[in-house]
């Protein structure tokens, strides 16, 4: 995907995160326990942070010539779906086994940030300039 596609993916993901946050504040508050609401809100927070990460991927893909930047973008998307998605389902259904897959999404987030950093470092020759 090119910079415009990554930017659009980030913008759509951010809008979705804002919508889900509003849903939690107004629609879930009276329907789930406070503990489950916190879990849902954690999903929203990481979702929104990594939506902004996708916008960083758009910027990086325009600046640096590396396939790693696309890997970072896909890792962020996988992380949003698996980490945040599992928390959303857990909080709204109470199905606890979903908590077992949440860390897979967390690892995807970590991989995405590592790939983004490696992209920048490789393009500068590791000199930090």
N, C-alpha and C. Protein backbone atom coordinates (compact mmCIF):
# COMPACT_ATOMS: atom_id res chain seq x y z
N UNK A 1 0.85 -1.18 0.00
CA UNK A 1 0.00 0.00 0.00
C UNK A 1 0.89 1.23 0.00
N UNK A 2 0.38 2.29 -0.59
CA UNK A 2 1.12 3.54 -0.63
C UNK A 2 0.76 4.44 0.54
N UNK A 3 1.43 5.59 0.62
CA UNK A 3 1.19 6.52 1.73
C UNK A 3 -0.27 6.92 1.89
N UNK A 4 -0.96 7.17 0.79
CA UNK A 4 -2.36 7.59 0.89
C UNK A 4 -3.23 6.49 1.49
N UNK A 5 -2.93 5.24 1.13
CA UNK A 5 -3.71 4.12 1.66
C UNK A 5 -3.44 3.94 3.16
N UNK A 6 -2.19 4.06 3.57
CA UNK A 6 -1.88 3.94 5.00
C UNK A 6 -2.53 5.08 5.78
N UNK A 7 -2.49 6.28 5.21
CA UNK A 7 -3.10 7.43 5.88
C UNK A 7 -4.61 7.21 6.02
N UNK A 8 -5.24 6.75 4.94
CA UNK A 8 -6.68 6.49 4.99
C UNK A 8 -7.00 5.39 6.00
N UNK A 9 -6.18 4.34 6.04
CA UNK A 9 -6.40 3.27 7.02
C UNK A 9 -6.31 3.82 8.45
N UNK A 10 -5.34 4.69 8.68
CA UNK A 10 -5.20 5.31 10.01
C UNK A 10 -6.38 6.19 10.35
N UNK A 11 -6.83 6.97 9.38
CA UNK A 11 -7.97 7.87 9.62
C UNK A 11 -9.25 7.07 9.89
N UNK A 12 -9.48 6.02 9.12
CA UNK A 12 -10.66 5.17 9.34
C UNK A 12 -10.57 4.49 10.71
N UNK A 13 -9.40 3.96 11.03
CA UNK A 13 -9.22 3.30 12.32
C UNK A 13 -9.42 4.27 13.48
N UNK A 14 -8.93 5.50 13.33
CA UNK A 14 -9.10 6.50 14.38
C UNK A 14 -10.58 6.86 14.54
N UNK A 15 -11.28 7.06 13.44
CA UNK A 15 -12.71 7.35 13.51
C UNK A 15 -13.49 6.23 14.17
N UNK A 16 -13.13 4.99 13.84
CA UNK A 16 -13.78 3.84 14.45
C UNK A 16 -13.50 3.80 15.96
N UNK A 17 -12.27 4.10 16.34
CA UNK A 17 -11.92 4.11 17.77
C UNK A 17 -12.72 5.17 18.52
N UNK A 18 -12.87 6.34 17.92
CA UNK A 18 -13.65 7.40 18.57
C UNK A 18 -15.11 6.95 18.71
N UNK A 19 -15.65 6.35 17.66
CA UNK A 19 -17.02 5.84 17.73
C UNK A 19 -17.19 4.78 18.80
N UNK A 20 -16.23 3.87 18.89
CA UNK A 20 -16.30 2.83 19.92
C UNK A 20 -16.15 3.41 21.32
N UNK A 21 -15.32 4.43 21.45
CA UNK A 21 -15.19 5.10 22.74
C UNK A 21 -16.49 5.76 23.16
N UNK A 22 -17.17 6.39 22.22
CA UNK A 22 -18.47 7.00 22.51
C UNK A 22 -19.50 5.94 22.87
N UNK A 23 -19.46 4.82 22.14
CA UNK A 23 -20.35 3.71 22.45
C UNK A 23 -20.13 3.22 23.87
N UNK A 24 -18.87 3.11 24.27
CA UNK A 24 -18.56 2.66 25.64
C UNK A 24 -19.10 3.65 26.66
N UNK A 25 -18.87 4.92 26.42
CA UNK A 25 -19.28 5.95 27.38
C UNK A 25 -20.79 6.07 27.50
N UNK A 26 -21.49 5.89 26.39
CA UNK A 26 -22.93 6.14 26.41
C UNK A 26 -23.78 4.89 26.33
N UNK A 27 -23.30 3.85 25.66
CA UNK A 27 -24.11 2.66 25.46
C UNK A 27 -23.79 1.50 26.37
N UNK A 28 -22.54 1.40 26.76
CA UNK A 28 -22.12 0.26 27.58
C UNK A 28 -22.14 0.53 29.07
N UNK A 29 -22.00 1.78 29.44
CA UNK A 29 -21.82 2.14 30.84
C UNK A 29 -22.86 1.50 31.76
N UNK A 30 -24.10 1.46 31.32
CA UNK A 30 -25.16 0.90 32.17
C UNK A 30 -25.39 -0.59 31.91
N UNK A 31 -24.66 -1.18 30.95
CA UNK A 31 -24.91 -2.57 30.57
C UNK A 31 -23.84 -3.56 31.01
N UNK A 32 -22.65 -3.05 31.30
CA UNK A 32 -21.56 -3.95 31.70
C UNK A 32 -21.00 -3.49 33.05
N UNK A 33 -20.26 -4.37 33.68
CA UNK A 33 -19.66 -4.03 34.97
C UNK A 33 -18.56 -2.98 34.77
N UNK A 34 -18.23 -2.26 35.84
CA UNK A 34 -17.13 -1.30 35.72
C UNK A 34 -15.83 -1.94 35.24
N UNK A 35 -15.57 -3.18 35.68
CA UNK A 35 -14.35 -3.90 35.25
C UNK A 35 -14.36 -4.12 33.74
N UNK A 36 -15.51 -4.53 33.20
CA UNK A 36 -15.61 -4.77 31.76
C UNK A 36 -15.53 -3.46 30.97
N UNK A 37 -16.04 -2.38 31.54
CA UNK A 37 -15.94 -1.08 30.88
C UNK A 37 -14.48 -0.64 30.77
N UNK A 38 -13.71 -0.88 31.83
CA UNK A 38 -12.28 -0.56 31.79
C UNK A 38 -11.58 -1.38 30.72
N UNK A 39 -11.92 -2.65 30.61
CA UNK A 39 -11.33 -3.52 29.58
C UNK A 39 -11.65 -2.97 28.19
N UNK A 40 -12.91 -2.60 27.96
CA UNK A 40 -13.30 -2.06 26.67
C UNK A 40 -12.54 -0.77 26.38
N UNK A 41 -12.44 0.10 27.37
CA UNK A 41 -11.73 1.37 27.20
C UNK A 41 -10.24 1.17 26.93
N UNK A 42 -9.66 0.12 27.49
CA UNK A 42 -8.26 -0.20 27.18
C UNK A 42 -8.13 -0.56 25.71
N UNK A 43 -9.07 -1.33 25.19
CA UNK A 43 -9.08 -1.64 23.77
C UNK A 43 -9.16 -0.39 22.91
N UNK A 44 -10.03 0.55 23.31
CA UNK A 44 -10.19 1.80 22.57
C UNK A 44 -8.89 2.61 22.60
N UNK A 45 -8.26 2.68 23.76
CA UNK A 45 -7.02 3.47 23.89
C UNK A 45 -5.93 2.93 22.96
N UNK A 46 -5.70 1.62 22.99
CA UNK A 46 -4.67 1.04 22.12
C UNK A 46 -5.06 1.14 20.65
N UNK A 47 -6.34 1.01 20.37
CA UNK A 47 -6.85 1.15 19.00
C UNK A 47 -6.52 2.55 18.47
N UNK A 48 -6.83 3.56 19.26
CA UNK A 48 -6.60 4.94 18.81
C UNK A 48 -5.10 5.24 18.68
N UNK A 49 -4.31 4.80 19.63
CA UNK A 49 -2.86 5.02 19.55
C UNK A 49 -2.31 4.41 18.26
N UNK A 50 -2.75 3.22 17.93
CA UNK A 50 -2.18 2.54 16.76
C UNK A 50 -2.82 3.01 15.45
N UNK A 51 -3.98 3.64 15.53
CA UNK A 51 -4.51 4.34 14.35
C UNK A 51 -3.57 5.49 14.01
N UNK A 52 -3.10 6.20 15.04
CA UNK A 52 -2.11 7.26 14.80
C UNK A 52 -0.79 6.67 14.33
N UNK A 53 -0.47 5.48 14.82
CA UNK A 53 0.70 4.77 14.32
C UNK A 53 0.60 4.50 12.82
N UNK A 54 -0.60 4.18 12.34
CA UNK A 54 -0.79 3.97 10.90
C UNK A 54 -0.54 5.26 10.12
N UNK A 55 -0.90 6.39 10.71
CA UNK A 55 -0.61 7.67 10.05
C UNK A 55 0.90 7.90 10.01
N UNK A 56 1.60 7.48 11.07
CA UNK A 56 3.07 7.55 11.06
C UNK A 56 3.64 6.64 9.98
N UNK A 57 3.01 5.49 9.78
CA UNK A 57 3.43 4.58 8.71
C UNK A 57 3.25 5.26 7.35
N UNK A 58 2.15 5.99 7.17
CA UNK A 58 1.94 6.72 5.91
C UNK A 58 3.08 7.70 5.66
N UNK A 59 3.43 8.45 6.69
CA UNK A 59 4.53 9.40 6.58
C UNK A 59 5.84 8.67 6.26
N UNK A 60 6.11 7.60 7.00
CA UNK A 60 7.37 6.87 6.81
C UNK A 60 7.43 6.21 5.43
N UNK A 61 6.30 5.72 4.94
CA UNK A 61 6.33 5.05 3.63
C UNK A 61 6.59 6.04 2.50
N UNK A 62 6.28 7.30 2.74
CA UNK A 62 6.57 8.34 1.75
C UNK A 62 8.03 8.80 1.85
N UNK A 63 8.62 8.65 3.01
CA UNK A 63 9.96 9.17 3.26
C UNK A 63 11.07 8.12 3.07
N UNK A 64 10.81 6.90 3.49
CA UNK A 64 11.84 5.86 3.50
C UNK A 64 11.49 4.75 2.51
N UNK A 65 12.47 4.31 1.77
CA UNK A 65 12.28 3.21 0.83
C UNK A 65 12.60 1.90 1.56
N UNK A 66 11.57 1.27 2.10
CA UNK A 66 11.77 0.02 2.82
C UNK A 66 10.47 -0.76 2.86
N UNK A 67 10.57 -2.06 2.65
CA UNK A 67 9.40 -2.93 2.80
C UNK A 67 9.01 -3.10 4.26
N UNK A 68 9.94 -2.77 5.14
CA UNK A 68 9.66 -2.93 6.57
C UNK A 68 8.56 -2.00 7.04
N UNK A 69 8.45 -0.84 6.42
CA UNK A 69 7.42 0.10 6.84
C UNK A 69 6.03 -0.49 6.57
N UNK A 70 5.86 -1.19 5.47
CA UNK A 70 4.58 -1.85 5.20
C UNK A 70 4.33 -2.94 6.24
N UNK A 71 5.38 -3.64 6.62
CA UNK A 71 5.26 -4.65 7.68
C UNK A 71 4.78 -4.02 8.98
N UNK A 72 5.27 -2.82 9.27
CA UNK A 72 4.83 -2.11 10.48
C UNK A 72 3.34 -1.80 10.39
N UNK A 73 2.91 -1.33 9.24
CA UNK A 73 1.49 -1.01 9.07
C UNK A 73 0.60 -2.23 9.24
N UNK A 74 1.00 -3.32 8.61
CA UNK A 74 0.20 -4.54 8.75
C UNK A 74 0.22 -5.06 10.19
N UNK A 75 1.36 -4.92 10.86
CA UNK A 75 1.43 -5.34 12.26
C UNK A 75 0.48 -4.51 13.13
N UNK A 76 0.40 -3.20 12.86
CA UNK A 76 -0.54 -2.35 13.60
C UNK A 76 -1.99 -2.77 13.34
N UNK A 77 -2.31 -3.07 12.08
CA UNK A 77 -3.66 -3.50 11.76
C UNK A 77 -4.00 -4.81 12.47
N UNK A 78 -3.07 -5.76 12.41
CA UNK A 78 -3.28 -7.03 13.11
C UNK A 78 -3.44 -6.80 14.61
N UNK A 79 -2.61 -5.93 15.16
CA UNK A 79 -2.70 -5.63 16.59
C UNK A 79 -4.04 -5.02 16.96
N UNK A 80 -4.54 -4.10 16.14
CA UNK A 80 -5.84 -3.49 16.42
C UNK A 80 -6.93 -4.55 16.41
N UNK A 81 -6.92 -5.39 15.39
CA UNK A 81 -7.96 -6.42 15.26
C UNK A 81 -7.87 -7.43 16.41
N UNK A 82 -6.67 -7.93 16.69
CA UNK A 82 -6.54 -8.99 17.68
C UNK A 82 -6.55 -8.45 19.11
N UNK A 83 -5.73 -7.44 19.41
CA UNK A 83 -5.66 -6.91 20.77
C UNK A 83 -6.97 -6.20 21.13
N UNK A 84 -7.25 -5.13 20.40
CA UNK A 84 -8.44 -4.35 20.73
C UNK A 84 -9.72 -5.15 20.48
N UNK A 85 -9.75 -5.84 19.36
CA UNK A 85 -10.95 -6.63 19.04
C UNK A 85 -11.27 -7.66 20.10
N UNK A 86 -10.26 -8.36 20.60
CA UNK A 86 -10.52 -9.37 21.63
C UNK A 86 -11.01 -8.71 22.92
N UNK A 87 -10.49 -7.53 23.23
CA UNK A 87 -10.96 -6.83 24.43
C UNK A 87 -12.40 -6.35 24.25
N UNK A 88 -12.75 -5.89 23.06
CA UNK A 88 -14.13 -5.46 22.80
C UNK A 88 -15.10 -6.62 23.00
N UNK A 89 -14.74 -7.77 22.42
CA UNK A 89 -15.63 -8.93 22.53
C UNK A 89 -15.68 -9.43 23.96
N UNK A 90 -14.54 -9.49 24.62
CA UNK A 90 -14.50 -9.91 26.02
C UNK A 90 -15.40 -9.04 26.89
N UNK A 91 -15.27 -7.73 26.72
CA UNK A 91 -16.03 -6.79 27.56
C UNK A 91 -17.52 -6.85 27.29
N UNK A 92 -17.91 -7.11 26.05
CA UNK A 92 -19.34 -7.10 25.73
C UNK A 92 -20.02 -8.45 25.89
N UNK A 93 -19.23 -9.53 25.89
CA UNK A 93 -19.83 -10.87 26.00
C UNK A 93 -19.46 -11.58 27.30
N UNK A 94 -18.35 -11.17 27.91
CA UNK A 94 -17.88 -11.86 29.11
C UNK A 94 -17.15 -13.15 28.82
N UNK A 95 -16.90 -13.45 27.56
CA UNK A 95 -16.19 -14.68 27.17
C UNK A 95 -14.71 -14.50 27.53
N UNK A 96 -14.30 -15.09 28.62
CA UNK A 96 -12.98 -14.83 29.19
C UNK A 96 -11.82 -15.45 28.41
N UNK A 97 -12.04 -16.55 27.70
CA UNK A 97 -10.93 -17.19 26.99
C UNK A 97 -10.34 -16.27 25.94
N UNK A 98 -11.08 -15.26 25.51
CA UNK A 98 -10.55 -14.33 24.53
C UNK A 98 -9.34 -13.56 25.07
N UNK A 99 -9.27 -13.44 26.39
CA UNK A 99 -8.11 -12.79 26.99
C UNK A 99 -6.82 -13.52 26.68
N UNK A 100 -6.92 -14.79 26.32
CA UNK A 100 -5.73 -15.58 25.99
C UNK A 100 -5.11 -15.16 24.66
N UNK A 101 -5.90 -14.59 23.75
CA UNK A 101 -5.34 -14.19 22.45
C UNK A 101 -4.93 -12.72 22.43
N UNK A 102 -5.36 -11.98 23.42
CA UNK A 102 -5.03 -10.55 23.46
C UNK A 102 -3.53 -10.28 23.36
N UNK A 103 -2.69 -11.05 24.08
CA UNK A 103 -1.24 -10.79 23.99
C UNK A 103 -0.66 -10.95 22.58
N UNK A 104 -1.29 -11.75 21.74
CA UNK A 104 -0.82 -11.89 20.36
C UNK A 104 -0.92 -10.53 19.66
N UNK A 105 -2.00 -9.83 19.90
CA UNK A 105 -2.15 -8.49 19.33
C UNK A 105 -1.14 -7.52 19.92
N UNK A 106 -0.85 -7.67 21.21
CA UNK A 106 0.18 -6.83 21.84
C UNK A 106 1.54 -7.05 21.22
N UNK A 107 1.86 -8.29 20.92
CA UNK A 107 3.13 -8.59 20.26
C UNK A 107 3.15 -7.97 18.87
N UNK A 108 2.02 -8.01 18.16
CA UNK A 108 1.95 -7.37 16.84
C UNK A 108 2.23 -5.88 16.95
N UNK A 109 1.69 -5.22 17.98
CA UNK A 109 1.98 -3.80 18.18
C UNK A 109 3.48 -3.58 18.37
N UNK A 110 4.10 -4.40 19.21
CA UNK A 110 5.54 -4.27 19.47
C UNK A 110 6.35 -4.48 18.20
N UNK A 111 5.97 -5.48 17.41
CA UNK A 111 6.65 -5.74 16.13
C UNK A 111 6.51 -4.54 15.21
N UNK A 112 5.32 -3.96 15.16
CA UNK A 112 5.10 -2.79 14.31
C UNK A 112 6.01 -1.64 14.68
N UNK A 113 6.11 -1.33 15.97
CA UNK A 113 6.98 -0.22 16.39
C UNK A 113 8.45 -0.55 16.12
N UNK A 114 8.85 -1.81 16.33
CA UNK A 114 10.24 -2.20 16.05
C UNK A 114 10.55 -2.06 14.56
N UNK A 115 9.62 -2.48 13.70
CA UNK A 115 9.83 -2.35 12.26
C UNK A 115 9.89 -0.89 11.83
N UNK A 116 9.06 -0.06 12.44
CA UNK A 116 9.08 1.37 12.10
C UNK A 116 10.42 1.99 12.51
N UNK A 117 10.90 1.65 13.70
CA UNK A 117 12.20 2.16 14.15
C UNK A 117 13.33 1.64 13.25
N UNK A 118 13.28 0.35 12.93
CA UNK A 118 14.32 -0.23 12.08
C UNK A 118 14.32 0.42 10.70
N UNK A 119 13.15 0.74 10.19
CA UNK A 119 13.06 1.42 8.89
C UNK A 119 13.81 2.75 8.93
N UNK A 120 13.56 3.52 9.97
CA UNK A 120 14.21 4.83 10.08
C UNK A 120 15.72 4.68 10.26
N UNK A 121 16.11 3.74 11.11
CA UNK A 121 17.55 3.55 11.36
C UNK A 121 18.28 3.03 10.13
N UNK A 122 17.67 2.12 9.41
CA UNK A 122 18.30 1.60 8.19
C UNK A 122 18.47 2.69 7.15
N UNK A 123 17.48 3.57 7.04
CA UNK A 123 17.55 4.59 6.00
C UNK A 123 18.62 5.63 6.32
N UNK A 124 18.94 5.78 7.61
CA UNK A 124 19.96 6.76 7.97
C UNK A 124 21.33 6.13 8.10
N UNK A 125 21.40 4.85 7.82
CA UNK A 125 22.66 4.14 7.94
C UNK A 125 23.05 3.93 9.40
N UNK A 126 22.05 4.06 10.30
CA UNK A 126 22.31 3.84 11.72
C UNK A 126 23.07 4.96 12.39
N UNK A 127 23.30 6.06 11.65
CA UNK A 127 24.12 7.13 12.22
C UNK A 127 23.30 8.10 13.06
N UNK A 128 21.94 7.98 12.97
CA UNK A 128 21.10 8.87 13.74
C UNK A 128 20.99 10.26 13.15
N UNK A 129 21.51 10.45 11.94
CA UNK A 129 21.44 11.79 11.32
C UNK A 129 20.29 11.91 10.38
